[in-house]
Amino acid sequence: QAQTGVWDVRASFLPAIYFEGVGMAGGISVLLPPQPADDAIAERVIGGLDGLIITGGRDVDPAAYGAQRHPATDEPVSDSQARDV
């Protein structure tokens, strides 16, 4: 959910630091929001990319990737974690 002007709408967004980092590395960023897609179409889209950065939320339990939990880590949300990991 995001607010822009007078609208309060469902939205997909990414912090600018991701786009800036890709640009600094010489790439062009393409945002692929979560959406249903036919496997063949998804394959064509992904096949046209040289790299893929999959971001997750702060709700992923660090134990899922073998790390210690930092005191500022949010409590994991099991539904989101299964999707993010």
PDB file of N, CA and C in Angstrom:
ATOM      1  N   GLN A   1       0.849  -1.164   0.000  1.00  0.00           N
ATOM      2  CA  GLN A   1       0.000   0.000   0.000  1.00  0.00           C
ATOM      3  C   GLN A   1       0.894   1.225   0.000  1.00  0.00           C
ATOM      4  N   ALA A   2       0.538   2.212  -0.819  1.00  0.00           N
ATOM      5  CA  ALA A   2       1.322   3.439  -0.882  1.00  0.00           C
ATOM      6  C   ALA A   2       0.401   4.622  -1.136  1.00  0.00           C
ATOM      7  N   GLN A   3       0.811   5.776  -0.667  1.00  0.00           N
ATOM      8  CA  GLN A   3       0.061   6.994  -0.921  1.00  0.00           C
ATOM      9  C   GLN A   3       0.855   7.869  -1.865  1.00  0.00           C
ATOM     10  N   THR A   4       0.171   8.372  -2.890  1.00  0.00           N
ATOM     11  CA  THR A   4       0.783   9.306  -3.827  1.00  0.00           C
ATOM     12  C   THR A   4      -0.276  10.341  -4.181  1.00  0.00           C
ATOM     13  N   GLY A   5      -0.011  11.586  -3.882  1.00  0.00           N
ATOM     14  CA  GLY A   5      -1.018  12.621  -4.083  1.00  0.00           C
ATOM     15  C   GLY A   5      -2.241  12.319  -3.242  1.00  0.00           C
ATOM     16  N   VAL A   6      -3.400  12.319  -3.872  1.00  0.00           N
ATOM     17  CA  VAL A   6      -4.642  12.039  -3.149  1.00  0.00           C
ATOM     18  C   VAL A   6      -4.998  10.555  -3.177  1.00  0.00           C
ATOM     19  N   TRP A   7      -4.191   9.752  -3.841  1.00  0.00           N
ATOM     20  CA  TRP A   7      -4.492   8.328  -3.973  1.00  0.00           C
ATOM     21  C   TRP A   7      -3.800   7.496  -2.907  1.00  0.00           C
ATOM     22  N   ASP A   8      -4.491   6.483  -2.450  1.00  0.00           N
ATOM     23  CA  ASP A   8      -3.957   5.488  -1.523  1.00  0.00           C
ATOM     24  C   ASP A   8      -4.209   4.155  -2.220  1.00  0.00           C
ATOM     25  N   VAL A   9      -3.163   3.592  -2.821  1.00  0.00           N
ATOM     26  CA  VAL A   9      -3.340   2.444  -3.714  1.00  0.00           C
ATOM     27  C   VAL A   9      -2.373   1.315  -3.395  1.00  0.00           C
ATOM     28  N   ARG A  10      -2.716   0.114  -3.882  1.00  0.00           N
ATOM     29  CA  ARG A  10      -1.760  -0.996  -3.824  1.00  0.00           C
ATOM     30  C   ARG A  10      -0.602  -0.620  -4.735  1.00  0.00           C
ATOM     31  N   ALA A  11       0.607  -0.941  -4.314  1.00  0.00           N
ATOM     32  CA  ALA A  11       1.765  -0.525  -5.099  1.00  0.00           C
ATOM     33  C   ALA A  11       2.918  -1.494  -4.917  1.00  0.00           C
ATOM     34  N   SER A  12       3.789  -1.520  -5.906  1.00  0.00           N
ATOM     35  CA  SER A  12       5.059  -2.239  -5.812  1.00  0.00           C
ATOM     36  C   SER A  12       6.145  -1.187  -5.950  1.00  0.00           C
ATOM     37  N   PHE A  13       7.086  -1.194  -5.036  1.00  0.00           N
ATOM     38  CA  PHE A  13       8.160  -0.212  -5.101  1.00  0.00           C
ATOM     39  C   PHE A  13       9.441  -0.820  -4.575  1.00  0.00           C
ATOM     40  N   LEU A  14      10.525  -0.146  -4.846  1.00  0.00           N
ATOM     41  CA  LEU A  14      11.835  -0.610  -4.422  1.00  0.00           C
ATOM     42  C   LEU A  14      12.662   0.603  -4.030  1.00  0.00           C
ATOM     43  N   PRO A  15      13.387   0.553  -2.925  1.00  0.00           N
ATOM     44  CA  PRO A  15      14.232   1.683  -2.552  1.00  0.00           C
ATOM     45  C   PRO A  15      15.215   2.032  -3.677  1.00  0.00           C
ATOM     46  N   ALA A  16      15.422   3.316  -3.883  1.00  0.00           N
ATOM     47  CA  ALA A  16      16.267   3.812  -4.973  1.00  0.00           C
ATOM     48  C   ALA A  16      17.687   3.263  -4.922  1.00  0.00           C
ATOM     49  N   ILE A  17      18.176   2.882  -3.746  1.00  0.00           N
ATOM     50  CA  ILE A  17      19.552   2.400  -3.639  1.00  0.00           C
ATOM     51  C   ILE A  17      19.792   1.181  -4.537  1.00  0.00           C
ATOM     52  N   TYR A  18      18.754   0.357  -4.753  1.00  0.00           N
ATOM     53  CA  TYR A  18      18.904  -0.794  -5.646  1.00  0.00           C
ATOM     54  C   TYR A  18      19.121  -0.329  -7.083  1.00  0.00           C
ATOM     55  N   PHE A  19      18.288   0.605  -7.540  1.00  0.00           N
ATOM     56  CA  PHE A  19      18.423   1.118  -8.899  1.00  0.00           C
ATOM     57  C   PHE A  19      19.757   1.830  -9.087  1.00  0.00           C
ATOM     58  N   GLU A  20      20.147   2.601  -8.083  1.00  0.00           N
ATOM     59  CA  GLU A  20      21.418   3.327  -8.159  1.00  0.00           C
ATOM     60  C   GLU A  20      22.591   2.362  -8.256  1.00  0.00           C
ATOM     61  N   GLY A  21      22.574   1.299  -7.474  1.00  0.00           N
ATOM     62  CA  GLY A  21      23.656   0.314  -7.509  1.00  0.00           C
ATOM     63  C   GLY A  21      23.758  -0.385  -8.847  1.00  0.00           C
ATOM     64  N   VAL A  22      22.626  -0.754  -9.416  1.00  0.00           N
ATOM     65  CA  VAL A  22      22.631  -1.399 -10.734  1.00  0.00           C
ATOM     66  C   VAL A  22      23.176  -0.427 -11.775  1.00  0.00           C
ATOM     67  N   GLY A  23      22.746   0.826 -11.705  1.00  0.00           N
ATOM     68  CA  GLY A  23      23.238   1.839 -12.641  1.00  0.00           C
ATOM     69  C   GLY A  23      24.730   2.079 -12.497  1.00  0.00           C
ATOM     70  N   MET A  24      25.232   2.121 -11.265  1.00  0.00           N
ATOM     71  CA  MET A  24      26.669   2.321 -11.038  1.00  0.00           C
ATOM     72  C   MET A  24      27.481   1.163 -11.599  1.00  0.00           C
ATOM     73  N   ALA A  25      26.866  -0.016 -11.663  1.00  0.00           N
ATOM     74  CA  ALA A  25      27.554  -1.191 -12.206  1.00  0.00           C
ATOM     75  C   ALA A  25      27.410  -1.270 -13.727  1.00  0.00           C
ATOM     76  N   GLY A  26      26.743  -0.281 -14.324  1.00  0.00           N
ATOM     77  CA  GLY A  26      26.598  -0.255 -15.777  1.00  0.00           C
ATOM     78  C   GLY A  26      25.336  -0.912 -16.297  1.00  0.00           C
ATOM     79  N   GLY A  27      24.437  -1.276 -15.406  1.00  0.00           N
ATOM     80  CA  GLY A  27      23.211  -1.945 -15.831  1.00  0.00           C
ATOM     81  C   GLY A  27      22.029  -1.007 -15.930  1.00  0.00           C
ATOM     82  N   ILE A  28      20.939  -1.547 -16.400  1.00  0.00           N
ATOM     83  CA  ILE A  28      19.666  -0.839 -16.461  1.00  0.00           C
ATOM     84  C   ILE A  28      18.677  -1.632 -15.608  1.00  0.00           C
ATOM     85  N   SER A  29      18.042  -0.957 -14.679  1.00  0.00           N
ATOM     86  CA  SER A  29      17.106  -1.623 -13.772  1.00  0.00           C
ATOM     87  C   SER A  29      15.751  -1.849 -14.424  1.00  0.00           C
ATOM     88  N   VAL A  30      15.179  -2.994 -14.144  1.00  0.00           N
ATOM     89  CA  VAL A  30      13.828  -3.332 -14.585  1.00  0.00           C
ATOM     90  C   VAL A  30      13.098  -3.875 -13.362  1.00  0.00           C
ATOM     91  N   LEU A  31      12.007  -3.245 -12.978  1.00  0.00           N
ATOM     92  CA  LEU A  31      11.236  -3.704 -11.827  1.00  0.00           C
ATOM     93  C   LEU A  31      10.183  -4.699 -12.301  1.00  0.00           C
ATOM     94  N   LEU A  32      10.201  -5.881 -11.724  1.00  0.00           N
ATOM     95  CA  LEU A  32       9.215  -6.917 -12.033  1.00  0.00           C
ATOM     96  C   LEU A  32       8.344  -7.110 -10.798  1.00  0.00           C
ATOM     97  N   PRO A  33       7.191  -6.449 -10.742  1.00  0.00           N
ATOM     98  CA  PRO A  33       6.346  -6.570  -9.555  1.00  0.00           C
ATOM     99  C   PRO A  33       5.728  -7.954  -9.448  1.00  0.00           C
ATOM    100  N   PRO A  34       5.389  -8.381  -8.239  1.00  0.00           N
ATOM    101  CA  PRO A  34       4.739  -9.677  -8.067  1.00  0.00           C
ATOM    102  C   PRO A  34       3.431  -9.708  -8.858  1.00  0.00           C
ATOM    103  N   GLN A  35       3.271 -10.723  -9.666  1.00  0.00           N
ATOM    104  CA  GLN A  35       2.066 -10.852 -10.479  1.00  0.00           C
ATOM    105  C   GLN A  35       1.961 -12.264 -11.023  1.00  0.00           C
ATOM    106  N   PRO A  36       0.747 -12.724 -11.292  1.00  0.00           N
ATOM    107  CA  PRO A  36       0.620 -14.048 -11.910  1.00  0.00           C
ATOM    108  C   PRO A  36       1.128 -13.972 -13.345  1.00  0.00           C
ATOM    109  N   ALA A  37       1.840 -14.992 -13.773  1.00  0.00           N
ATOM    110  CA  ALA A  37       2.351 -15.010 -15.147  1.00  0.00           C
ATOM    111  C   ALA A  37       2.478 -16.447 -15.620  1.00  0.00           C
ATOM    112  N   ASP A  38       2.161 -16.661 -16.857  1.00  0.00           N
ATOM    113  CA  ASP A  38       2.350 -17.953 -17.492  1.00  0.00           C
ATOM    114  C   ASP A  38       3.843 -18.276 -17.485  1.00  0.00           C
ATOM    115  N   ASP A  39       4.205 -19.525 -17.246  1.00  0.00           N
ATOM    116  CA  ASP A  39       5.619 -19.916 -17.180  1.00  0.00           C
ATOM    117  C   ASP A  39       6.387 -19.520 -18.430  1.00  0.00           C
ATOM    118  N   ALA A  40       5.803 -19.695 -19.603  1.00  0.00           N
ATOM    119  CA  ALA A  40       6.496 -19.369 -20.855  1.00  0.00           C
ATOM    120  C   ALA A  40       6.772 -17.872 -20.959  1.00  0.00           C
ATOM    121  N   ILE A  41       5.818 -17.057 -20.536  1.00  0.00           N
ATOM    122  CA  ILE A  41       6.016 -15.607 -20.577  1.00  0.00           C
ATOM    123  C   ILE A  41       7.077 -15.198 -19.569  1.00  0.00           C
ATOM    124  N   ALA A  42       6.993 -15.733 -18.362  1.00  0.00           N
ATOM    125  CA  ALA A  42       7.991 -15.418 -17.340  1.00  0.00           C
ATOM    126  C   ALA A  42       9.381 -15.821 -17.816  1.00  0.00           C
ATOM    127  N   GLU A  43       9.484 -16.963 -18.461  1.00  0.00           N
ATOM    128  CA  GLU A  43      10.769 -17.435 -18.978  1.00  0.00           C
ATOM    129  C   GLU A  43      11.327 -16.478 -20.029  1.00  0.00           C
ATOM    130  N   ARG A  44      10.461 -15.957 -20.905  1.00  0.00           N
ATOM    131  CA  ARG A  44      10.910 -14.998 -21.926  1.00  0.00           C
ATOM    132  C   ARG A  44      11.411 -13.712 -21.289  1.00  0.00           C
ATOM    133  N   VAL A  45      10.697 -13.238 -20.282  1.00  0.00           N
ATOM    134  CA  VAL A  45      11.106 -12.000 -19.609  1.00  0.00           C
ATOM    135  C   VAL A  45      12.439 -12.208 -18.903  1.00  0.00           C
ATOM    136  N   ILE A  46      12.543 -13.248 -18.102  1.00  0.00           N
ATOM    137  CA  ILE A  46      13.775 -13.526 -17.359  1.00  0.00           C
ATOM    138  C   ILE A  46      14.924 -13.826 -18.317  1.00  0.00           C
ATOM    139  N   GLY A  47      14.635 -14.502 -19.420  1.00  0.00           N
ATOM    140  CA  GLY A  47      15.669 -14.833 -20.401  1.00  0.00           C
ATOM    141  C   GLY A  47      16.300 -13.613 -21.049  1.00  0.00           C
ATOM    142  N   GLY A  48      15.616 -12.477 -21.008  1.00  0.00           N
ATOM    143  CA  GLY A  48      16.157 -11.254 -21.583  1.00  0.00           C
ATOM    144  C   GLY A  48      17.006 -10.449 -20.618  1.00  0.00           C
ATOM    145  N   LEU A  49      17.210 -10.962 -19.419  1.00  0.00           N
ATOM    146  CA  LEU A  49      17.992 -10.250 -18.408  1.00  0.00           C
ATOM    147  C   LEU A  49      19.382 -10.857 -18.276  1.00  0.00           C
ATOM    148  N   ASP A  50      20.363 -10.012 -17.987  1.00  0.00           N
ATOM    149  CA  ASP A  50      21.724 -10.502 -17.734  1.00  0.00           C
ATOM    150  C   ASP A  50      21.938 -10.840 -16.267  1.00  0.00           C
ATOM    151  N   GLY A  51      21.116 -10.291 -15.404  1.00  0.00           N
ATOM    152  CA  GLY A  51      21.237 -10.545 -13.973  1.00  0.00           C
ATOM    153  C   GLY A  51      19.894 -10.346 -13.310  1.00  0.00           C
ATOM    154  N   LEU A  52      19.774 -10.863 -12.098  1.00  0.00           N
ATOM    155  CA  LEU A  52      18.514 -10.761 -11.374  1.00  0.00           C
ATOM    156  C   LEU A  52      18.806 -10.548  -9.891  1.00  0.00           C
ATOM    157  N   ILE A  53      18.246  -9.494  -9.341  1.00  0.00           N
ATOM    158  CA  ILE A  53      18.355  -9.233  -7.906  1.00  0.00           C
ATOM    159  C   ILE A  53      16.974  -9.481  -7.325  1.00  0.00           C
ATOM    160  N   ILE A  54      16.877 -10.450  -6.432  1.00  0.00           N
ATOM    161  CA  ILE A  54      15.605 -10.739  -5.781  1.00  0.00           C
ATOM    162  C   ILE A  54      15.686 -10.183  -4.369  1.00  0.00           C
ATOM    163  N   THR A  55      14.885  -9.167  -4.111  1.00  0.00           N
ATOM    164  CA  THR A  55      14.904  -8.538  -2.792  1.00  0.00           C
ATOM    165  C   THR A  55      13.877  -9.204  -1.898  1.00  0.00           C
ATOM    166  N   GLY A  56      14.112  -9.138  -0.626  1.00  0.00           N
ATOM    167  CA  GLY A  56      13.178  -9.688   0.355  1.00  0.00           C
ATOM    168  C   GLY A  56      12.922  -8.654   1.422  1.00  0.00           C
ATOM    169  N   GLY A  57      12.011  -8.972   2.297  1.00  0.00           N
ATOM    170  CA  GLY A  57      11.705  -8.054   3.379  1.00  0.00           C
ATOM    171  C   GLY A  57      12.625  -8.268   4.564  1.00  0.00           C
ATOM    172  N   ARG A  58      12.520  -7.370   5.531  1.00  0.00           N
ATOM    173  CA  ARG A  58      13.311  -7.515   6.749  1.00  0.00           C
ATOM    174  C   ARG A  58      12.751  -8.619   7.615  1.00  0.00           C
ATOM    175  N   ASP A  59      11.649  -9.218   7.184  1.00  0.00           N
ATOM    176  CA  ASP A  59      10.996 -10.237   7.989  1.00  0.00           C
ATOM    177  C   ASP A  59      11.554 -11.641   7.772  1.00  0.00           C
ATOM    178  N   VAL A  60      12.566 -11.804   6.926  1.00  0.00           N
ATOM    179  CA  VAL A  60      13.169 -13.122   6.714  1.00  0.00           C
ATOM    180  C   VAL A  60      14.046 -13.455   7.917  1.00  0.00           C
ATOM    181  N   ASP A  61      13.837 -14.610   8.498  1.00  0.00           N
ATOM    182  CA  ASP A  61      14.624 -15.044   9.651  1.00  0.00           C
ATOM    183  C   ASP A  61      16.046 -15.342   9.188  1.00  0.00           C
ATOM    184  N   PRO A  62      17.062 -14.647   9.725  1.00  0.00           N
ATOM    185  CA  PRO A  62      18.445 -14.885   9.318  1.00  0.00           C
ATOM    186  C   PRO A  62      18.873 -16.346   9.445  1.00  0.00           C
ATOM    187  N   ALA A  63      18.240 -17.107  10.316  1.00  0.00           N
ATOM    188  CA  ALA A  63      18.568 -18.530  10.445  1.00  0.00           C
ATOM    189  C   ALA A  63      18.299 -19.273   9.138  1.00  0.00           C
ATOM    190  N   ALA A  64      17.397 -18.751   8.296  1.00  0.00           N
ATOM    191  CA  ALA A  64      17.073 -19.394   7.016  1.00  0.00           C
ATOM    192  C   ALA A  64      18.274 -19.408   6.075  1.00  0.00           C
ATOM    193  N   TYR A  65      19.214 -18.464   6.269  1.00  0.00           N
ATOM    194  CA  TYR A  65      20.422 -18.448   5.433  1.00  0.00           C
ATOM    195  C   TYR A  65      21.690 -18.552   6.284  1.00  0.00           C
ATOM    196  N   GLY A  66      21.547 -19.161   7.466  1.00  0.00           N
ATOM    197  CA  GLY A  66      22.698 -19.493   8.296  1.00  0.00           C
ATOM    198  C   GLY A  66      23.344 -18.337   9.029  1.00  0.00           C
ATOM    199  N   ALA A  67      22.605 -17.249   9.266  1.00  0.00           N
ATOM    200  CA  ALA A  67      23.180 -16.090   9.951  1.00  0.00           C
ATOM    201  C   ALA A  67      22.536 -15.905  11.326  1.00  0.00           C
ATOM    202  N   GLN A  68      23.222 -15.144  12.160  1.00  0.00           N
ATOM    203  CA  GLN A  68      22.706 -14.807  13.486  1.00  0.00           C
ATOM    204  C   GLN A  68      21.691 -13.671  13.363  1.00  0.00           C
ATOM    205  N   ARG A  69      20.707 -13.677  14.216  1.00  0.00           N
ATOM    206  CA  ARG A  69      19.706 -12.609  14.227  1.00  0.00           C
ATOM    207  C   ARG A  69      20.297 -11.348  14.853  1.00  0.00           C
ATOM    208  N   HIS A  70      20.167 -10.217  14.177  1.00  0.00           N
ATOM    209  CA  HIS A  70      20.597  -8.920  14.685  1.00  0.00           C
ATOM    210  C   HIS A  70      19.492  -8.397  15.604  1.00  0.00           C
ATOM    211  N   PRO A  71      19.839  -7.656  16.663  1.00  0.00           N
ATOM    212  CA  PRO A  71      18.809  -7.149  17.576  1.00  0.00           C
ATOM    213  C   PRO A  71      17.729  -6.308  16.878  1.00  0.00           C
ATOM    214  N   ALA A  72      18.056  -5.657  15.758  1.00  0.00           N
ATOM    215  CA  ALA A  72      17.080  -4.814  15.059  1.00  0.00           C
ATOM    216  C   ALA A  72      16.246  -5.583  14.035  1.00  0.00           C
ATOM    217  N   THR A  73      16.494  -6.885  13.895  1.00  0.00           N
ATOM    218  CA  THR A  73      15.734  -7.679  12.928  1.00  0.00           C
ATOM    219  C   THR A  73      14.283  -7.796  13.369  1.00  0.00           C
ATOM    220  N   ASP A  74      13.360  -7.564  12.430  1.00  0.00           N
ATOM    221  CA  ASP A  74      11.933  -7.729  12.732  1.00  0.00           C
ATOM    222  C   ASP A  74      11.627  -9.193  12.980  1.00  0.00           C
ATOM    223  N   GLU A  75      10.522  -9.443  13.662  1.00  0.00           N
ATOM    224  CA  GLU A  75      10.070 -10.817  13.851  1.00  0.00           C
ATOM    225  C   GLU A  75       9.713 -11.396  12.488  1.00  0.00           C
ATOM    226  N   PRO A  76      10.154 -12.617  12.202  1.00  0.00           N
ATOM    227  CA  PRO A  76       9.824 -13.210  10.905  1.00  0.00           C
ATOM    228  C   PRO A  76       8.321 -13.452  10.758  1.00  0.00           C
ATOM    229  N   VAL A  77       7.837 -13.321   9.541  1.00  0.00           N
ATOM    230  CA  VAL A  77       6.448 -13.618   9.207  1.00  0.00           C
ATOM    231  C   VAL A  77       6.488 -14.839   8.308  1.00  0.00           C
ATOM    232  N   SER A  78       6.009 -15.977   8.804  1.00  0.00           N
ATOM    233  CA  SER A  78       6.204 -17.244   8.099  1.00  0.00           C
ATOM    234  C   SER A  78       5.631 -17.247   6.686  1.00  0.00           C
ATOM    235  N   ASP A  79       4.480 -16.625   6.445  1.00  0.00           N
ATOM    236  CA  ASP A  79       3.909 -16.590   5.094  1.00  0.00           C
ATOM    237  C   ASP A  79       4.828 -15.843   4.136  1.00  0.00           C
ATOM    238  N   SER A  80       5.321 -14.688   4.556  1.00  0.00           N
ATOM    239  CA  SER A  80       6.210 -13.895   3.710  1.00  0.00           C
ATOM    240  C   SER A  80       7.539 -14.591   3.522  1.00  0.00           C
ATOM    241  N   GLN A  81       8.047 -15.219   4.570  1.00  0.00           N
ATOM    242  CA  GLN A  81       9.361 -15.854   4.482  1.00  0.00           C
ATOM    243  C   GLN A  81       9.369 -16.965   3.443  1.00  0.00           C
ATOM    244  N   ALA A  82       8.340 -17.771   3.399  1.00  0.00           N
ATOM    245  CA  ALA A  82       8.287 -18.866   2.422  1.00  0.00           C
ATOM    246  C   ALA A  82       8.365 -18.313   1.007  1.00  0.00           C
ATOM    247  N   ARG A  83       7.702 -17.207   0.742  1.00  0.00           N
ATOM    248  CA  ARG A  83       7.736 -16.586  -0.582  1.00  0.00           C
ATOM    249  C   ARG A  83       9.092 -15.930  -0.847  1.00  0.00           C
ATOM    250  N   ASP A  84       9.614 -15.196   0.134  1.00  0.00           N
ATOM    251  CA  ASP A  84      10.856 -14.454  -0.053  1.00  0.00           C
ATOM    252  C   ASP A  84      12.064 -15.354  -0.218  1.00  0.00           C
ATOM    253  N   VAL A  85      12.110 -16.445   0.537  1.00  0.00           N
ATOM    254  CA  VAL A  85      13.261 -17.337   0.474  1.00  0.00           C
ATOM    255  C   VAL A  85      13.132 -18.200  -0.751  1.00  0.00           C
TER     256      VAL A  85
END
